């Protein structure tokens, strides 16, 4: 279970340092490129709509997704990031080479699984509930603004039809 998310723009690298802690005292550090952040913002907006489209028509799903995202952004409370004692992938951040997202709906609740392919042949899956996923999207949108990458608002792609394949019941993969 994730306890804290953190994103920081590092100008010298022109990359985003993404860190997160788990309840068992582990910290993971990833480098995200501009292209990866763009992909996460676009696919994240689509995933949010897709999660609601299972129970609502597309226009309503888009409105619900946008409302929930705005609600999270208005209620967000930031705290100081506290590094964890253990770094299973090492102290140095690993470059995220590929990202794939799955939307899972169980019992009317949405979950998001982000599969990461990392430098050095590492694979990792990050599972976020609806609230934490919205906060992750908010952090990425905020940091890309600060980096002045000009990727545009993430909400703009929420109006697009999601690109998806269905490998198994209850899960949708977005690329």
N, C-alpha and C. Protein backbone atom coordinates (compact mmCIF):
# COMPACT_ATOMS: atom_id res chain seq x y z
N UNK A 1 0.84 -1.17 0.00
CA UNK A 1 0.00 0.00 0.00
C UNK A 1 0.89 1.25 0.00
N UNK A 2 0.52 2.20 -0.82
CA UNK A 2 1.30 3.43 -0.95
C UNK A 2 0.88 4.43 0.12
N UNK A 3 1.89 5.06 0.73
CA UNK A 3 1.60 6.04 1.77
C UNK A 3 1.84 7.47 1.29
N UNK A 4 2.76 7.65 0.34
CA UNK A 4 3.08 9.00 -0.10
C UNK A 4 3.58 8.98 -1.54
N UNK A 5 3.17 9.99 -2.32
CA UNK A 5 3.65 10.20 -3.68
C UNK A 5 4.39 11.53 -3.73
N UNK A 6 5.42 11.61 -4.59
CA UNK A 6 6.15 12.85 -4.73
C UNK A 6 6.68 12.96 -6.15
N UNK A 7 6.53 14.13 -6.76
CA UNK A 7 7.16 14.40 -8.06
C UNK A 7 7.93 15.70 -7.95
N UNK A 8 9.10 15.72 -8.55
CA UNK A 8 9.97 16.89 -8.54
C UNK A 8 10.57 17.05 -9.92
N UNK A 9 10.53 18.26 -10.45
CA UNK A 9 11.18 18.53 -11.73
C UNK A 9 12.65 18.81 -11.46
N UNK A 10 13.54 18.10 -12.17
CA UNK A 10 14.98 18.29 -12.04
C UNK A 10 15.47 18.89 -13.36
N UNK A 11 15.72 20.20 -13.34
CA UNK A 11 16.06 20.92 -14.56
C UNK A 11 17.33 20.39 -15.23
N UNK A 12 18.33 20.03 -14.44
CA UNK A 12 19.60 19.54 -15.00
C UNK A 12 19.40 18.27 -15.84
N UNK A 13 18.42 17.48 -15.48
CA UNK A 13 18.11 16.24 -16.21
C UNK A 13 16.97 16.46 -17.21
N UNK A 14 16.24 17.56 -17.08
CA UNK A 14 15.01 17.82 -17.83
C UNK A 14 14.08 16.61 -17.72
N UNK A 15 13.98 16.13 -16.49
CA UNK A 15 13.15 14.97 -16.18
C UNK A 15 12.43 15.20 -14.86
N UNK A 16 11.43 14.35 -14.64
CA UNK A 16 10.70 14.37 -13.39
C UNK A 16 11.17 13.20 -12.54
N UNK A 17 11.50 13.49 -11.30
CA UNK A 17 11.82 12.45 -10.33
C UNK A 17 10.52 12.08 -9.63
N UNK A 18 10.09 10.84 -9.83
CA UNK A 18 8.87 10.34 -9.20
C UNK A 18 9.29 9.38 -8.10
N UNK A 19 8.86 9.69 -6.89
CA UNK A 19 9.15 8.83 -5.73
C UNK A 19 7.85 8.47 -5.05
N UNK A 20 7.82 7.27 -4.52
CA UNK A 20 6.68 6.90 -3.68
C UNK A 20 7.14 5.95 -2.60
N UNK A 21 6.43 6.04 -1.46
CA UNK A 21 6.70 5.20 -0.30
C UNK A 21 5.58 4.20 -0.11
N UNK A 22 5.93 3.09 0.51
CA UNK A 22 4.93 2.09 0.85
C UNK A 22 4.82 2.00 2.37
N UNK A 23 3.74 1.38 2.82
CA UNK A 23 3.50 1.27 4.26
C UNK A 23 4.56 0.44 4.97
N UNK A 24 5.27 -0.40 4.23
CA UNK A 24 6.30 -1.24 4.86
C UNK A 24 7.70 -0.62 4.79
N UNK A 25 7.77 0.71 4.60
CA UNK A 25 9.04 1.43 4.69
C UNK A 25 9.93 1.32 3.47
N UNK A 26 9.36 1.11 2.31
CA UNK A 26 10.15 1.04 1.08
C UNK A 26 9.89 2.28 0.22
N UNK A 27 10.93 2.72 -0.46
CA UNK A 27 10.82 3.86 -1.37
C UNK A 27 11.30 3.44 -2.75
N UNK A 28 10.56 3.89 -3.76
CA UNK A 28 10.90 3.60 -5.15
C UNK A 28 11.11 4.93 -5.86
N UNK A 29 12.15 4.99 -6.69
CA UNK A 29 12.51 6.24 -7.37
C UNK A 29 12.63 5.98 -8.87
N UNK A 30 11.90 6.79 -9.64
CA UNK A 30 11.89 6.64 -11.09
C UNK A 30 12.14 7.99 -11.77
N UNK A 31 12.84 7.94 -12.89
CA UNK A 31 12.94 9.11 -13.75
C UNK A 31 11.84 9.01 -14.79
N UNK A 32 11.09 10.09 -14.97
CA UNK A 32 10.07 10.17 -16.01
C UNK A 32 10.47 11.24 -17.01
N UNK A 33 10.51 10.86 -18.28
CA UNK A 33 10.82 11.82 -19.33
C UNK A 33 9.58 12.62 -19.69
N UNK A 34 9.77 13.62 -20.49
CA UNK A 34 8.65 14.44 -20.97
C UNK A 34 7.65 13.56 -21.72
N UNK A 35 8.15 12.65 -22.55
CA UNK A 35 7.26 11.76 -23.31
C UNK A 35 6.46 10.85 -22.37
N UNK A 36 7.09 10.35 -21.32
CA UNK A 36 6.40 9.47 -20.37
C UNK A 36 5.32 10.25 -19.61
N UNK A 37 5.64 11.47 -19.20
CA UNK A 37 4.66 12.29 -18.49
C UNK A 37 3.49 12.60 -19.43
N UNK A 38 3.78 12.92 -20.68
CA UNK A 38 2.72 13.18 -21.66
C UNK A 38 1.82 11.96 -21.80
N UNK A 39 2.44 10.78 -21.90
CA UNK A 39 1.67 9.54 -22.04
C UNK A 39 0.82 9.29 -20.79
N UNK A 40 1.40 9.45 -19.61
CA UNK A 40 0.66 9.23 -18.37
C UNK A 40 -0.51 10.19 -18.22
N UNK A 41 -0.32 11.44 -18.61
CA UNK A 41 -1.41 12.41 -18.53
C UNK A 41 -2.54 12.05 -19.50
N UNK A 42 -2.18 11.72 -20.73
CA UNK A 42 -3.19 11.40 -21.73
C UNK A 42 -3.92 10.10 -21.39
N UNK A 43 -3.15 9.07 -21.12
CA UNK A 43 -3.76 7.77 -20.82
C UNK A 43 -4.48 7.82 -19.48
N UNK A 44 -3.95 8.59 -18.54
CA UNK A 44 -4.61 8.73 -17.24
C UNK A 44 -5.98 9.35 -17.36
N UNK A 45 -6.11 10.38 -18.19
CA UNK A 45 -7.41 11.01 -18.40
C UNK A 45 -8.37 10.03 -19.07
N UNK A 46 -7.87 9.29 -20.06
CA UNK A 46 -8.70 8.30 -20.74
C UNK A 46 -9.12 7.19 -19.78
N UNK A 47 -8.18 6.76 -18.94
CA UNK A 47 -8.47 5.67 -18.00
C UNK A 47 -9.56 6.08 -17.02
N UNK A 48 -9.49 7.32 -16.57
CA UNK A 48 -10.50 7.80 -15.63
C UNK A 48 -11.89 7.79 -16.27
N UNK A 49 -11.98 8.21 -17.51
CA UNK A 49 -13.26 8.19 -18.23
C UNK A 49 -13.70 6.75 -18.45
N UNK A 50 -12.78 5.91 -18.87
CA UNK A 50 -13.10 4.51 -19.15
C UNK A 50 -13.62 3.80 -17.91
N UNK A 51 -13.05 4.12 -16.75
CA UNK A 51 -13.50 3.50 -15.50
C UNK A 51 -14.97 3.81 -15.22
N UNK A 52 -15.39 5.01 -15.56
CA UNK A 52 -16.78 5.41 -15.32
C UNK A 52 -17.70 4.99 -16.47
N UNK A 53 -17.13 4.74 -17.65
CA UNK A 53 -17.92 4.36 -18.81
C UNK A 53 -18.51 2.96 -18.66
N UNK A 54 -18.00 2.19 -17.72
CA UNK A 54 -18.56 0.86 -17.48
C UNK A 54 -19.98 0.96 -16.92
N UNK A 55 -20.28 2.07 -16.24
CA UNK A 55 -21.60 2.23 -15.61
C UNK A 55 -22.42 3.38 -16.17
N UNK A 56 -21.80 4.21 -17.03
CA UNK A 56 -22.47 5.40 -17.54
C UNK A 56 -22.18 5.57 -19.03
N UNK A 57 -23.03 6.27 -19.72
CA UNK A 57 -22.78 6.63 -21.11
C UNK A 57 -21.54 7.53 -21.16
N UNK A 58 -20.86 7.53 -22.30
CA UNK A 58 -19.61 8.26 -22.43
C UNK A 58 -19.69 9.74 -22.01
N UNK A 59 -20.70 10.50 -22.45
CA UNK A 59 -20.74 11.90 -22.01
C UNK A 59 -20.84 12.05 -20.49
N UNK A 60 -21.63 11.19 -19.86
CA UNK A 60 -21.75 11.24 -18.40
C UNK A 60 -20.45 10.78 -17.74
N UNK A 61 -19.82 9.77 -18.30
CA UNK A 61 -18.55 9.27 -17.76
C UNK A 61 -17.48 10.37 -17.81
N UNK A 62 -17.45 11.12 -18.91
CA UNK A 62 -16.50 12.22 -19.04
C UNK A 62 -16.76 13.29 -17.98
N UNK A 63 -18.02 13.63 -17.79
CA UNK A 63 -18.39 14.65 -16.80
C UNK A 63 -18.05 14.19 -15.38
N UNK A 64 -18.34 12.94 -15.07
CA UNK A 64 -18.04 12.40 -13.74
C UNK A 64 -16.54 12.38 -13.49
N UNK A 65 -15.77 11.93 -14.48
CA UNK A 65 -14.32 11.88 -14.34
C UNK A 65 -13.75 13.27 -14.12
N UNK A 66 -14.23 14.24 -14.87
CA UNK A 66 -13.75 15.62 -14.73
C UNK A 66 -14.13 16.18 -13.36
N UNK A 67 -15.35 15.93 -12.93
CA UNK A 67 -15.80 16.41 -11.62
C UNK A 67 -14.96 15.81 -10.49
N UNK A 68 -14.73 14.50 -10.56
CA UNK A 68 -13.93 13.85 -9.51
C UNK A 68 -12.51 14.39 -9.49
N UNK A 69 -11.93 14.62 -10.66
CA UNK A 69 -10.57 15.14 -10.71
C UNK A 69 -10.52 16.55 -10.11
N UNK A 70 -11.47 17.39 -10.45
CA UNK A 70 -11.53 18.74 -9.90
C UNK A 70 -11.73 18.71 -8.38
N UNK A 71 -12.54 17.81 -7.91
CA UNK A 71 -12.79 17.68 -6.48
C UNK A 71 -11.52 17.31 -5.73
N UNK A 72 -10.78 16.36 -6.26
CA UNK A 72 -9.51 15.96 -5.64
C UNK A 72 -8.53 17.12 -5.63
N UNK A 73 -8.46 17.85 -6.72
CA UNK A 73 -7.54 18.98 -6.80
C UNK A 73 -7.90 20.06 -5.80
N UNK A 74 -9.18 20.31 -5.58
CA UNK A 74 -9.60 21.34 -4.62
C UNK A 74 -9.36 20.91 -3.18
N UNK A 75 -9.41 19.62 -2.91
CA UNK A 75 -9.28 19.13 -1.54
C UNK A 75 -7.87 18.64 -1.21
N UNK A 76 -6.96 18.69 -2.16
CA UNK A 76 -5.61 18.15 -1.95
C UNK A 76 -4.89 18.89 -0.83
N UNK A 77 -4.25 18.11 0.00
CA UNK A 77 -3.44 18.65 1.09
C UNK A 77 -2.04 18.09 0.92
N UNK A 78 -1.08 18.99 0.87
CA UNK A 78 0.30 18.58 0.65
C UNK A 78 1.04 18.54 1.97
N UNK A 79 1.93 17.57 2.09
CA UNK A 79 2.76 17.47 3.27
C UNK A 79 4.20 17.24 2.80
N UNK A 80 5.12 17.39 3.72
CA UNK A 80 6.52 17.18 3.38
C UNK A 80 6.76 15.70 3.11
N UNK A 81 7.48 15.43 2.04
CA UNK A 81 7.78 14.05 1.68
C UNK A 81 8.82 13.50 2.65
N UNK A 82 8.55 12.30 3.16
CA UNK A 82 9.46 11.65 4.10
C UNK A 82 10.06 10.42 3.43
N UNK A 83 11.34 10.48 3.06
CA UNK A 83 11.98 9.32 2.43
C UNK A 83 11.92 8.09 3.33
N UNK A 84 11.81 6.94 2.71
CA UNK A 84 11.76 5.67 3.45
C UNK A 84 13.17 5.12 3.63
N UNK A 85 13.32 4.20 4.52
CA UNK A 85 14.62 3.63 4.86
C UNK A 85 15.15 2.67 3.80
N UNK A 86 14.26 1.92 3.16
CA UNK A 86 14.69 0.90 2.19
C UNK A 86 14.40 1.36 0.77
N UNK A 87 15.36 1.09 -0.12
CA UNK A 87 15.18 1.39 -1.54
C UNK A 87 15.45 0.10 -2.33
N UNK A 88 14.44 -0.74 -2.52
CA UNK A 88 14.63 -2.04 -3.16
C UNK A 88 15.24 -1.99 -4.56
N UNK A 89 15.02 -0.91 -5.28
CA UNK A 89 15.60 -0.79 -6.63
C UNK A 89 16.89 0.00 -6.64
N UNK A 90 17.37 0.40 -5.46
CA UNK A 90 18.61 1.16 -5.35
C UNK A 90 18.35 2.63 -5.06
N UNK A 91 19.41 3.32 -4.67
CA UNK A 91 19.34 4.73 -4.32
C UNK A 91 19.09 5.60 -5.55
N UNK A 92 19.73 5.25 -6.66
CA UNK A 92 19.60 6.05 -7.88
C UNK A 92 18.27 5.76 -8.57
N UNK A 93 17.60 6.79 -9.05
CA UNK A 93 16.34 6.56 -9.78
C UNK A 93 16.58 5.76 -11.05
N UNK A 94 15.60 4.94 -11.41
CA UNK A 94 15.66 4.18 -12.66
C UNK A 94 14.78 4.86 -13.70
N UNK A 95 15.25 4.87 -14.92
CA UNK A 95 14.50 5.48 -16.01
C UNK A 95 13.32 4.59 -16.40
N UNK A 96 12.13 5.19 -16.46
CA UNK A 96 10.94 4.48 -16.92
C UNK A 96 10.99 4.46 -18.44
N UNK A 97 11.10 3.26 -19.00
CA UNK A 97 11.22 3.10 -20.44
C UNK A 97 9.87 2.91 -21.13
N UNK A 98 8.97 2.23 -20.44
CA UNK A 98 7.65 1.96 -21.01
C UNK A 98 6.63 1.90 -19.89
N UNK A 99 5.43 2.35 -20.21
CA UNK A 99 4.34 2.38 -19.24
C UNK A 99 3.09 1.81 -19.89
N UNK A 100 2.42 0.94 -19.16
CA UNK A 100 1.14 0.40 -19.61
C UNK A 100 0.17 0.48 -18.44
N UNK A 101 -1.05 0.90 -18.72
CA UNK A 101 -2.01 1.09 -17.65
C UNK A 101 -3.21 0.17 -17.85
N UNK A 102 -3.69 -0.39 -16.75
CA UNK A 102 -4.88 -1.23 -16.76
C UNK A 102 -5.91 -0.61 -15.83
N UNK A 103 -7.15 -0.62 -16.29
CA UNK A 103 -8.26 -0.17 -15.46
C UNK A 103 -9.00 -1.41 -15.01
N UNK A 104 -9.17 -1.55 -13.71
CA UNK A 104 -9.88 -2.69 -13.16
C UNK A 104 -11.07 -2.19 -12.36
N UNK A 105 -12.22 -2.76 -12.66
CA UNK A 105 -13.44 -2.38 -11.94
C UNK A 105 -13.97 -3.60 -11.21
N UNK A 106 -14.07 -3.48 -9.90
CA UNK A 106 -14.59 -4.57 -9.08
C UNK A 106 -15.58 -3.99 -8.08
N UNK A 107 -16.76 -4.55 -8.05
CA UNK A 107 -17.77 -4.12 -7.09
C UNK A 107 -18.11 -2.64 -7.20
N UNK A 108 -18.07 -2.09 -8.41
CA UNK A 108 -18.40 -0.69 -8.61
C UNK A 108 -17.26 0.27 -8.30
N UNK A 109 -16.11 -0.25 -7.87
CA UNK A 109 -14.95 0.60 -7.56
C UNK A 109 -13.88 0.40 -8.63
N UNK A 110 -13.22 1.52 -8.95
CA UNK A 110 -12.17 1.47 -9.96
C UNK A 110 -10.80 1.39 -9.31
N UNK A 111 -9.93 0.68 -9.97
CA UNK A 111 -8.53 0.62 -9.58
C UNK A 111 -7.68 0.74 -10.83
N UNK A 112 -6.48 1.21 -10.65
CA UNK A 112 -5.59 1.44 -11.79
C UNK A 112 -4.26 0.76 -11.50
N UNK A 113 -3.83 -0.07 -12.43
CA UNK A 113 -2.55 -0.75 -12.30
C UNK A 113 -1.63 -0.19 -13.38
N UNK A 114 -0.52 0.39 -12.96
CA UNK A 114 0.45 0.94 -13.90
C UNK A 114 1.64 -0.01 -13.92
N UNK A 115 1.86 -0.62 -15.08
CA UNK A 115 2.99 -1.52 -15.26
C UNK A 115 4.15 -0.73 -15.85
N UNK A 116 5.26 -0.77 -15.17
CA UNK A 116 6.45 -0.02 -15.57
C UNK A 116 7.52 -0.98 -16.08
N UNK A 117 8.10 -0.67 -17.20
CA UNK A 117 9.33 -1.32 -17.66
C UNK A 117 10.43 -0.30 -17.41
N UNK A 118 11.40 -0.69 -16.61
CA UNK A 118 12.44 0.23 -16.16
C UNK A 118 13.79 -0.16 -16.73
N UNK A 119 14.71 0.80 -16.74
CA UNK A 119 16.08 0.53 -17.16
C UNK A 119 16.66 -0.60 -16.31
N UNK A 120 17.54 -1.35 -16.90
CA UNK A 120 18.16 -2.46 -16.18
C UNK A 120 17.31 -3.71 -16.17
N UNK A 121 16.25 -3.74 -16.98
CA UNK A 121 15.41 -4.93 -17.07
C UNK A 121 14.43 -5.10 -15.93
N UNK A 122 14.26 -4.11 -15.10
CA UNK A 122 13.32 -4.20 -13.98
C UNK A 122 11.88 -4.00 -14.45
N UNK A 123 10.97 -4.70 -13.82
CA UNK A 123 9.53 -4.56 -14.04
C UNK A 123 8.90 -4.23 -12.69
N UNK A 124 7.87 -3.40 -12.72
CA UNK A 124 7.21 -3.04 -11.47
C UNK A 124 5.76 -2.70 -11.78
N UNK A 125 4.88 -3.00 -10.85
CA UNK A 125 3.48 -2.61 -10.99
C UNK A 125 3.09 -1.73 -9.81
N UNK A 126 2.45 -0.62 -10.13
CA UNK A 126 1.97 0.32 -9.14
C UNK A 126 0.45 0.30 -9.21
N UNK A 127 -0.21 -0.04 -8.11
CA UNK A 127 -1.66 -0.12 -8.07
C UNK A 127 -2.20 1.05 -7.25
N UNK A 128 -3.12 1.80 -7.86
CA UNK A 128 -3.68 2.99 -7.21
C UNK A 128 -5.20 2.90 -7.20
N UNK A 129 -5.81 3.33 -6.10
CA UNK A 129 -7.27 3.43 -6.08
C UNK A 129 -7.66 4.73 -6.78
N UNK A 130 -8.94 4.95 -6.92
CA UNK A 130 -9.45 6.10 -7.68
C UNK A 130 -8.92 7.42 -7.12
N UNK A 131 -8.92 7.59 -5.80
CA UNK A 131 -8.48 8.82 -5.17
C UNK A 131 -6.98 9.06 -5.37
N UNK A 132 -6.17 8.04 -5.13
CA UNK A 132 -4.72 8.18 -5.27
C UNK A 132 -4.34 8.39 -6.74
N UNK A 133 -5.07 7.75 -7.64
CA UNK A 133 -4.83 7.92 -9.07
C UNK A 133 -5.10 9.38 -9.47
N UNK A 134 -6.17 9.96 -8.97
CA UNK A 134 -6.48 11.36 -9.27
C UNK A 134 -5.38 12.29 -8.72
N UNK A 135 -4.87 11.98 -7.55
CA UNK A 135 -3.79 12.78 -6.96
C UNK A 135 -2.51 12.64 -7.79
N UNK A 136 -2.22 11.44 -8.26
CA UNK A 136 -1.06 11.20 -9.11
C UNK A 136 -1.17 12.04 -10.39
N UNK A 137 -2.35 12.02 -11.00
CA UNK A 137 -2.57 12.82 -12.21
C UNK A 137 -2.40 14.30 -11.92
N UNK A 138 -2.91 14.76 -10.78
CA UNK A 138 -2.79 16.16 -10.40
C UNK A 138 -1.31 16.54 -10.24
N UNK A 139 -0.54 15.69 -9.57
CA UNK A 139 0.88 15.97 -9.38
C UNK A 139 1.61 16.05 -10.71
N UNK A 140 1.31 15.14 -11.62
CA UNK A 140 1.96 15.16 -12.94
C UNK A 140 1.60 16.42 -13.72
N UNK A 141 0.33 16.80 -13.69
CA UNK A 141 -0.10 18.00 -14.40
C UNK A 141 0.57 19.24 -13.82
N UNK A 142 0.66 19.30 -12.49
CA UNK A 142 1.28 20.44 -11.83
C UNK A 142 2.77 20.53 -12.16
N UNK A 143 3.45 19.40 -12.13
CA UNK A 143 4.90 19.43 -12.35
C UNK A 143 5.23 19.72 -13.80
N UNK A 144 4.39 19.26 -14.75
CA UNK A 144 4.69 19.58 -16.15
C UNK A 144 4.47 21.06 -16.40
N UNK A 145 3.54 21.68 -15.67
CA UNK A 145 3.37 23.14 -15.76
C UNK A 145 4.62 23.85 -15.25
N UNK A 146 5.12 23.41 -14.11
CA UNK A 146 6.32 24.03 -13.53
C UNK A 146 7.53 23.83 -14.41
N UNK A 147 7.60 22.70 -15.09
CA UNK A 147 8.72 22.42 -16.00
C UNK A 147 8.59 23.21 -17.29
N UNK A 148 7.42 23.79 -17.51
CA UNK A 148 7.11 24.56 -18.72
C UNK A 148 7.29 23.70 -19.98
N UNK A 149 6.79 22.47 -19.89
CA UNK A 149 6.89 21.56 -21.02
C UNK A 149 5.80 21.80 -22.05
N UNK A 150 4.75 22.53 -21.70
CA UNK A 150 3.71 22.86 -22.67
C UNK A 150 2.93 21.66 -23.17
N UNK A 151 2.69 20.70 -22.32
CA UNK A 151 1.97 19.50 -22.73
C UNK A 151 0.47 19.73 -22.80
N UNK A 152 0.00 20.85 -22.26
CA UNK A 152 -1.43 21.15 -22.30
C UNK A 152 -2.14 20.50 -21.13
N UNK A 153 -3.38 20.93 -20.91
CA UNK A 153 -4.14 20.38 -19.79
C UNK A 153 -4.51 18.92 -20.03
N UNK A 154 -4.36 18.12 -19.00
CA UNK A 154 -4.69 16.70 -19.11
C UNK A 154 -6.16 16.49 -19.40
N UNK A 155 -7.01 17.42 -18.97
CA UNK A 155 -8.44 17.27 -19.18
C UNK A 155 -8.81 17.34 -20.65
N UNK A 156 -7.95 17.93 -21.49
CA UNK A 156 -8.26 18.06 -22.90
C UNK A 156 -8.36 16.70 -23.58
N UNK A 157 -7.57 15.73 -23.13
CA UNK A 157 -7.62 14.42 -23.76
C UNK A 157 -8.73 13.55 -23.19
N UNK A 158 -9.35 13.99 -22.11
CA UNK A 158 -10.44 13.20 -21.53
C UNK A 158 -11.63 13.12 -22.48
N UNK A 159 -11.73 14.09 -23.40
CA UNK A 159 -12.83 14.08 -24.35
C UNK A 159 -12.59 13.09 -25.49
N UNK A 160 -11.37 12.63 -25.63
CA UNK A 160 -11.06 11.68 -26.70
C UNK A 160 -11.57 10.30 -26.33
N UNK A 161 -11.87 9.52 -27.34
CA UNK A 161 -12.27 8.14 -27.08
C UNK A 161 -11.05 7.36 -26.60
N UNK A 162 -11.18 6.58 -25.53
CA UNK A 162 -10.06 5.81 -25.03
C UNK A 162 -9.61 4.75 -26.03
N UNK A 163 -8.31 4.59 -26.15
CA UNK A 163 -7.73 3.53 -26.95
C UNK A 163 -7.47 2.38 -26.00
N UNK A 164 -8.13 1.26 -26.22
CA UNK A 164 -8.04 0.18 -25.24
C UNK A 164 -8.14 -1.18 -25.89
N UNK A 165 -7.58 -2.13 -25.21
CA UNK A 165 -7.76 -3.53 -25.57
C UNK A 165 -8.18 -4.25 -24.31
N UNK A 166 -8.90 -5.35 -24.45
CA UNK A 166 -9.38 -6.05 -23.26
C UNK A 166 -8.76 -7.44 -23.20
N UNK A 167 -7.67 -7.62 -22.44
CA UNK A 167 -7.01 -8.91 -22.37
C UNK A 167 -7.70 -9.91 -21.45
N UNK A 168 -8.47 -9.43 -20.48
CA UNK A 168 -9.12 -10.32 -19.53
C UNK A 168 -10.35 -9.63 -18.99
N UNK A 169 -11.32 -10.38 -18.54
CA UNK A 169 -12.54 -9.76 -18.00
C UNK A 169 -12.22 -8.87 -16.80
N UNK A 170 -12.84 -7.71 -16.77
CA UNK A 170 -12.67 -6.81 -15.64
C UNK A 170 -11.45 -5.93 -15.70
N UNK A 171 -10.61 -6.08 -16.74
CA UNK A 171 -9.43 -5.25 -16.86
C UNK A 171 -9.35 -4.69 -18.27
N UNK A 172 -8.95 -3.45 -18.39
CA UNK A 172 -8.76 -2.81 -19.68
C UNK A 172 -7.37 -2.24 -19.71
N UNK A 173 -6.63 -2.52 -20.77
CA UNK A 173 -5.26 -2.04 -20.89
C UNK A 173 -5.26 -0.84 -21.82
N UNK A 174 -4.61 0.21 -21.40
CA UNK A 174 -4.45 1.42 -22.21
C UNK A 174 -2.99 1.59 -22.55
N UNK A 175 -2.70 1.97 -23.78
CA UNK A 175 -1.30 2.18 -24.21
C UNK A 175 -1.10 3.61 -24.58
